[in-house]
N, C-alpha and C. Protein backbone atom coordinates (compact mmCIF):
# COMPACT_ATOMS: atom_id res chain seq x y z
N MET A 1 -12.85 18.79 -24.36
CA MET A 1 -14.03 19.18 -23.64
C MET A 1 -13.59 19.75 -22.29
N SER A 2 -14.14 20.88 -21.93
CA SER A 2 -13.78 21.49 -20.66
C SER A 2 -14.47 20.75 -19.51
N LEU A 3 -13.99 20.99 -18.30
CA LEU A 3 -14.62 20.40 -17.13
C LEU A 3 -16.07 20.85 -17.03
N TYR A 4 -16.33 22.12 -17.33
CA TYR A 4 -17.70 22.64 -17.30
C TYR A 4 -18.59 21.86 -18.28
N GLU A 5 -18.11 21.67 -19.50
CA GLU A 5 -18.89 20.93 -20.49
C GLU A 5 -19.11 19.48 -20.07
N ALA A 6 -18.08 18.86 -19.49
CA ALA A 6 -18.22 17.48 -19.00
C ALA A 6 -19.24 17.41 -17.88
N HIS A 7 -19.23 18.40 -16.99
CA HIS A 7 -20.21 18.44 -15.90
C HIS A 7 -21.63 18.57 -16.45
N GLU A 8 -21.80 19.45 -17.42
CA GLU A 8 -23.12 19.63 -18.03
C GLU A 8 -23.61 18.33 -18.68
N LYS A 9 -22.73 17.66 -19.37
CA LYS A 9 -23.09 16.40 -20.03
C LYS A 9 -23.44 15.33 -18.99
N ALA A 10 -22.65 15.22 -17.93
CA ALA A 10 -22.91 14.25 -16.87
C ALA A 10 -24.25 14.54 -16.20
N THR A 11 -24.58 15.80 -16.00
CA THR A 11 -25.86 16.17 -15.39
C THR A 11 -27.02 15.73 -16.28
N ARG A 12 -26.88 15.91 -17.59
CA ARG A 12 -27.93 15.47 -18.51
C ARG A 12 -28.09 13.95 -18.48
N ILE A 13 -26.97 13.23 -18.40
CA ILE A 13 -27.02 11.77 -18.33
C ILE A 13 -27.71 11.33 -17.04
N GLU A 14 -27.34 11.95 -15.91
CA GLU A 14 -27.99 11.62 -14.63
C GLU A 14 -29.49 11.85 -14.71
N LYS A 15 -29.91 12.95 -15.31
CA LYS A 15 -31.33 13.27 -15.42
C LYS A 15 -32.06 12.19 -16.23
N ARG A 16 -31.47 11.79 -17.35
CA ARG A 16 -32.10 10.75 -18.18
C ARG A 16 -32.18 9.42 -17.45
N LEU A 17 -31.14 9.06 -16.70
CA LEU A 17 -31.17 7.81 -15.94
C LEU A 17 -32.25 7.84 -14.86
N ARG A 18 -32.38 8.98 -14.17
CA ARG A 18 -33.42 9.09 -13.14
C ARG A 18 -34.82 9.05 -13.74
N GLU A 19 -34.97 9.63 -14.93
CA GLU A 19 -36.27 9.56 -15.61
C GLU A 19 -36.62 8.11 -15.93
N GLN A 20 -35.63 7.32 -16.30
CA GLN A 20 -35.87 5.93 -16.66
C GLN A 20 -36.01 5.01 -15.46
N PHE A 21 -35.19 5.22 -14.41
CA PHE A 21 -35.13 4.27 -13.30
C PHE A 21 -35.73 4.79 -12.00
N GLY A 22 -36.16 6.03 -11.97
CA GLY A 22 -36.78 6.57 -10.77
C GLY A 22 -35.91 7.61 -10.08
N GLU A 23 -36.58 8.53 -9.42
CA GLU A 23 -35.92 9.68 -8.80
C GLU A 23 -34.95 9.28 -7.69
N HIS A 24 -35.18 8.14 -7.05
CA HIS A 24 -34.32 7.73 -5.93
C HIS A 24 -33.15 6.83 -6.36
N THR A 25 -32.94 6.71 -7.66
CA THR A 25 -31.84 5.90 -8.18
C THR A 25 -30.50 6.54 -7.82
N HIS A 26 -29.59 5.74 -7.29
CA HIS A 26 -28.24 6.24 -6.96
C HIS A 26 -27.40 6.17 -8.23
N ILE A 27 -26.83 7.30 -8.59
CA ILE A 27 -26.01 7.38 -9.81
C ILE A 27 -24.67 7.98 -9.42
N ALA A 28 -23.59 7.33 -9.84
CA ALA A 28 -22.26 7.86 -9.59
C ALA A 28 -21.51 7.87 -10.92
N LEU A 29 -21.27 9.05 -11.43
CA LEU A 29 -20.47 9.19 -12.65
C LEU A 29 -19.10 9.72 -12.25
N HIS A 30 -18.09 9.14 -12.85
CA HIS A 30 -16.72 9.57 -12.56
C HIS A 30 -16.05 9.88 -13.89
N LEU A 31 -15.58 11.10 -14.04
CA LEU A 31 -14.94 11.52 -15.28
C LEU A 31 -13.43 11.29 -15.17
N GLU A 32 -12.88 10.66 -16.18
CA GLU A 32 -11.44 10.39 -16.21
C GLU A 32 -10.75 11.38 -17.15
N PRO A 33 -9.60 11.88 -16.75
CA PRO A 33 -8.83 12.73 -17.66
C PRO A 33 -8.22 11.89 -18.78
N LEU A 34 -7.65 12.56 -19.74
CA LEU A 34 -7.00 11.91 -20.87
C LEU A 34 -5.82 11.08 -20.38
N LYS A 35 -5.67 9.88 -20.98
CA LYS A 35 -4.51 9.04 -20.69
C LYS A 35 -3.68 8.90 -21.95
N VAL A 36 -2.38 9.07 -21.80
CA VAL A 36 -1.44 8.86 -22.90
C VAL A 36 -0.41 7.86 -22.40
N ASN A 37 -0.28 6.76 -23.10
CA ASN A 37 0.65 5.69 -22.71
C ASN A 37 0.41 5.23 -21.27
N GLY A 38 -0.86 5.15 -20.87
CA GLY A 38 -1.22 4.66 -19.55
C GLY A 38 -1.09 5.67 -18.42
N CYS A 39 -0.74 6.92 -18.73
CA CYS A 39 -0.58 7.95 -17.70
C CYS A 39 -1.57 9.08 -17.95
N TYR A 40 -2.14 9.60 -16.86
CA TYR A 40 -3.03 10.75 -16.98
C TYR A 40 -2.25 11.97 -17.45
N VAL A 41 -2.86 12.75 -18.33
CA VAL A 41 -2.21 13.93 -18.90
C VAL A 41 -3.12 15.13 -18.69
N SER A 42 -2.58 16.21 -18.14
CA SER A 42 -3.36 17.42 -17.96
C SER A 42 -3.49 18.14 -19.30
N PRO A 43 -4.52 18.98 -19.45
CA PRO A 43 -4.63 19.74 -20.70
C PRO A 43 -3.37 20.56 -20.99
N LYS A 44 -2.76 21.11 -19.95
CA LYS A 44 -1.53 21.90 -20.13
C LYS A 44 -0.43 21.03 -20.73
N GLU A 45 -0.25 19.82 -20.18
CA GLU A 45 0.77 18.91 -20.69
C GLU A 45 0.47 18.50 -22.13
N MET A 46 -0.81 18.28 -22.42
CA MET A 46 -1.20 17.89 -23.77
C MET A 46 -0.92 19.01 -24.75
N ASN A 47 -1.19 20.26 -24.36
CA ASN A 47 -0.90 21.40 -25.22
C ASN A 47 0.60 21.53 -25.47
N GLN A 48 1.41 21.32 -24.44
CA GLN A 48 2.87 21.39 -24.60
C GLN A 48 3.35 20.28 -25.55
N HIS A 49 2.77 19.09 -25.37
CA HIS A 49 3.13 17.95 -26.22
C HIS A 49 2.76 18.25 -27.67
N SER A 50 1.59 18.82 -27.90
CA SER A 50 1.13 19.14 -29.25
C SER A 50 2.04 20.16 -29.91
N ARG A 51 2.46 21.17 -29.14
CA ARG A 51 3.33 22.20 -29.71
C ARG A 51 4.70 21.63 -30.09
N THR A 52 5.26 20.79 -29.21
CA THR A 52 6.61 20.26 -29.50
C THR A 52 6.55 19.25 -30.65
N SER A 53 5.47 18.49 -30.77
CA SER A 53 5.40 17.51 -31.85
C SER A 53 5.15 18.17 -33.19
N THR A 54 4.51 19.34 -33.22
CA THR A 54 4.27 20.03 -34.50
C THR A 54 5.48 20.86 -34.91
N GLN A 55 6.39 21.12 -33.96
CA GLN A 55 7.57 21.91 -34.28
C GLN A 55 8.68 21.05 -34.87
N SER A 56 8.52 19.74 -34.79
CA SER A 56 9.58 18.82 -35.29
C SER A 56 9.63 18.80 -36.79
C-alpha cells in the first residue's frame, strides 16, 4: 500500500470515528512501516530483498 493509499484509509477511519464519537474527538493515527525481523524496512529495501531471494 502506498503512503497516499494509507493516508486515504486513515482519513476514512478518522471520519468514521468522529461520526461515532463526536466532531471534537481527538484522534491520532500513526502508520508503521513494514518490519522484518524486528527492523523497519523501506519499500526499496523490500524490493531488493524480493529480487535477490527470487534469483536464488
